[in-house]
C-alpha atoms as a PDB file:
ATOM      1  CA  MET A   1      10.316  33.662  14.651  1.00  0.00           C
ATOM      2  CA  ASP A   2      11.405  33.746  18.532  1.00  0.00           C
ATOM      3  CA  ASN A   3      14.424  35.498  17.176  1.00  0.00           C
ATOM      4  CA  HIS A   4      12.623  38.665  16.309  1.00  0.00           C
ATOM      5  CA  ARG A   5      10.674  39.165  20.037  1.00  0.00           C
ATOM      6  CA  ALA A   6      11.192  42.365  22.102  1.00  0.00           C
ATOM      7  CA  ALA A   7      10.909  40.001  25.400  1.00  0.00           C
ATOM      8  CA  PRO A   8      11.161  35.616  25.927  1.00  0.00           C
ATOM      9  CA  ARG A   9       7.421  34.290  26.013  1.00  0.00           C
ATOM     10  CA  HIS A  10       6.614  31.871  28.619  1.00  0.00           C
ATOM     11  CA  ARG A  11       4.147  28.829  27.828  1.00  0.00           C
ATOM     12  CA  VAL A  12       1.255  28.893  29.826  1.00  0.00           C
ATOM     13  CA  LEU A  13      -2.200  27.473  29.371  1.00  0.00           C
ATOM     14  CA  LYS A  14      -4.623  29.972  30.854  1.00  0.00           C
ATOM     15  CA  ALA A  15      -8.258  30.755  30.496  1.00  0.00           C
ATOM     16  CA  GLY A  16      -9.421  34.592  29.272  1.00  0.00           C
ATOM     17  CA  SER A  17     -11.243  36.577  27.268  1.00  0.00           C
ATOM     18  CA  ILE A  18     -11.119  39.482  24.322  1.00  0.00           C
ATOM     19  CA  GLU A  19     -13.038  42.340  25.100  1.00  0.00           C
ATOM     20  CA  PHE A  20     -14.096  44.850  22.416  1.00  0.00           C
ATOM     21  CA  ASN A  21     -17.037  47.243  22.073  1.00  0.00           C
ATOM     22  CA  GLY A  22     -19.531  45.489  24.407  1.00  0.00           C
ATOM     23  CA  GLY A  23     -18.584  42.326  23.189  1.00  0.00           C
ATOM     24  CA  VAL A  24     -16.598  38.818  24.962  1.00  0.00           C
ATOM     25  CA  ILE A  25     -14.801  35.896  23.350  1.00  0.00           C
ATOM     26  CA  ASP A  26     -13.525  33.499  25.524  1.00  0.00           C
ATOM     27  CA  CYS A  27      -9.680  32.464  24.566  1.00  0.00           C
ATOM     28  CA  THR A  28      -6.797  30.377  26.258  1.00  0.00           C
ATOM     29  CA  ILE A  29      -3.461  32.156  26.523  1.00  0.00           C
ATOM     30  CA  ARG A  30      -1.087  29.871  25.105  1.00  0.00           C
ATOM     31  CA  ASN A  31       2.320  31.990  25.979  1.00  0.00           C
ATOM     32  CA  VAL A  32       2.976  35.632  27.346  1.00  0.00           C
ATOM     33  CA  SER A  33       5.943  37.748  27.657  1.00  0.00           C
ATOM     34  CA  ASP A  34       5.630  41.636  28.895  1.00  0.00           C
ATOM     35  CA  THR A  35       5.326  42.609  25.521  1.00  0.00           C
ATOM     36  CA  GLY A  36       2.951  40.377  23.730  1.00  0.00           C
ATOM     37  CA  ALA A  37       0.832  36.931  24.189  1.00  0.00           C
ATOM     38  CA  ALA A  38      -0.297  34.291  21.574  1.00  0.00           C
ATOM     39  CA  ILE A  39      -3.896  33.357  22.339  1.00  0.00           C
ATOM     40  CA  GLU A  40      -6.209  30.536  20.595  1.00  0.00           C
ATOM     41  CA  VAL A  41      -9.841  31.293  19.781  1.00  0.00           C
ATOM     42  CA  ALA A  42     -12.447  28.915  18.603  1.00  0.00           C
ATOM     43  CA  SER A  43     -13.178  31.864  15.600  1.00  0.00           C
ATOM     44  CA  GLN A  44     -11.863  34.572  14.663  1.00  0.00           C
ATOM     45  CA  LEU A  45     -14.810  35.971  13.110  1.00  0.00           C
ATOM     46  CA  GLY A  46     -15.486  39.555  14.501  1.00  0.00           C
ATOM     47  CA  ILE A  47     -12.218  39.959  16.757  1.00  0.00           C
ATOM     48  CA  PRO A  48     -10.882  43.356  15.573  1.00  0.00           C
ATOM     49  CA  ASP A  49      -7.080  44.629  15.679  1.00  0.00           C
ATOM     50  CA  SER A  50      -7.456  45.744  18.787  1.00  0.00           C
ATOM     51  CA  PHE A  51      -9.028  45.031  21.809  1.00  0.00           C
ATOM     52  CA  TRP A  52      -8.303  44.270  25.646  1.00  0.00           C
ATOM     53  CA  LEU A  53      -7.038  41.013  26.878  1.00  0.00           C
ATOM     54  CA  VAL A  54      -8.179  39.418  30.240  1.00  0.00           C
ATOM     55  CA  ILE A  55      -6.943  36.659  31.726  1.00  0.00           C
ATOM     56  CA  SER A  56      -9.278  34.822  34.011  1.00  0.00           C
ATOM     57  CA  GLY A  57      -8.575  34.501  38.092  1.00  0.00           C
ATOM     58  CA  THR A  58      -6.155  37.467  37.848  1.00  0.00           C
ATOM     59  CA  HIS A  59      -6.753  41.308  37.773  1.00  0.00           C
ATOM     60  CA  THR A  60      -4.593  41.469  34.676  1.00  0.00           C
ATOM     61  CA  ARG A  61      -6.296  43.349  32.116  1.00  0.00           C
ATOM     62  CA  ARG A  62      -4.338  44.397  29.116  1.00  0.00           C
ATOM     63  CA  HIS A  63      -4.730  46.413  25.906  1.00  0.00           C
ATOM     64  CA  CYS A  64      -3.300  44.806  22.647  1.00  0.00           C
ATOM     65  CA  ARG A  65      -3.511  45.244  19.250  1.00  0.00           C
ATOM     66  CA  VAL A  66      -3.301  41.874  17.125  1.00  0.00           C
ATOM     67  CA  ALA A  67       0.823  41.217  15.178  1.00  0.00           C
ATOM     68  CA  TRP A  68      -0.393  38.587  13.502  1.00  0.00           C
ATOM     69  CA  ARG A  69      -3.385  35.531  12.712  1.00  0.00           C
ATOM     70  CA  ASN A  70      -3.770  32.488  11.592  1.00  0.00           C
ATOM     71  CA  GLU A  71      -6.585  29.857  11.260  1.00  0.00           C
ATOM     72  CA  LYS A  72      -7.367  29.356  15.192  1.00  0.00           C
ATOM     73  CA  ARG A  73      -4.096  31.545  17.052  1.00  0.00           C
ATOM     74  CA  ILE A  74      -3.839  35.136  17.603  1.00  0.00           C
ATOM     75  CA  GLY A  75      -0.120  36.778  18.398  1.00  0.00           C
ATOM     76  CA  VAL A  76      -0.823  40.164  19.919  1.00  0.00           C
ATOM     77  CA  ALA A  77       1.429  43.067  21.391  1.00  0.00           C
ATOM     78  CA  PHE A  78       0.552  45.079  24.191  1.00  0.00           C
ATOM     79  CA  ASP A  79      -0.071  48.720  24.054  1.00  0.00           C
END
């Protein structure tokens, strides 16, 4: 899987939030690169295919779209 990425990802463990249409869902950012990230959520119910990813404790807010999903993780590409 790593061979298909446009940029190397770095493992992190940061709190974040998914923001869309006035809603906010807490998440954990597991890895990040210049082009995307993998995030972990308690439940994917209601999470749309594009949203704002906000990294807690920073001023980072990136719009992204879902590249893949599994039970508890979502891979996103930054717009």
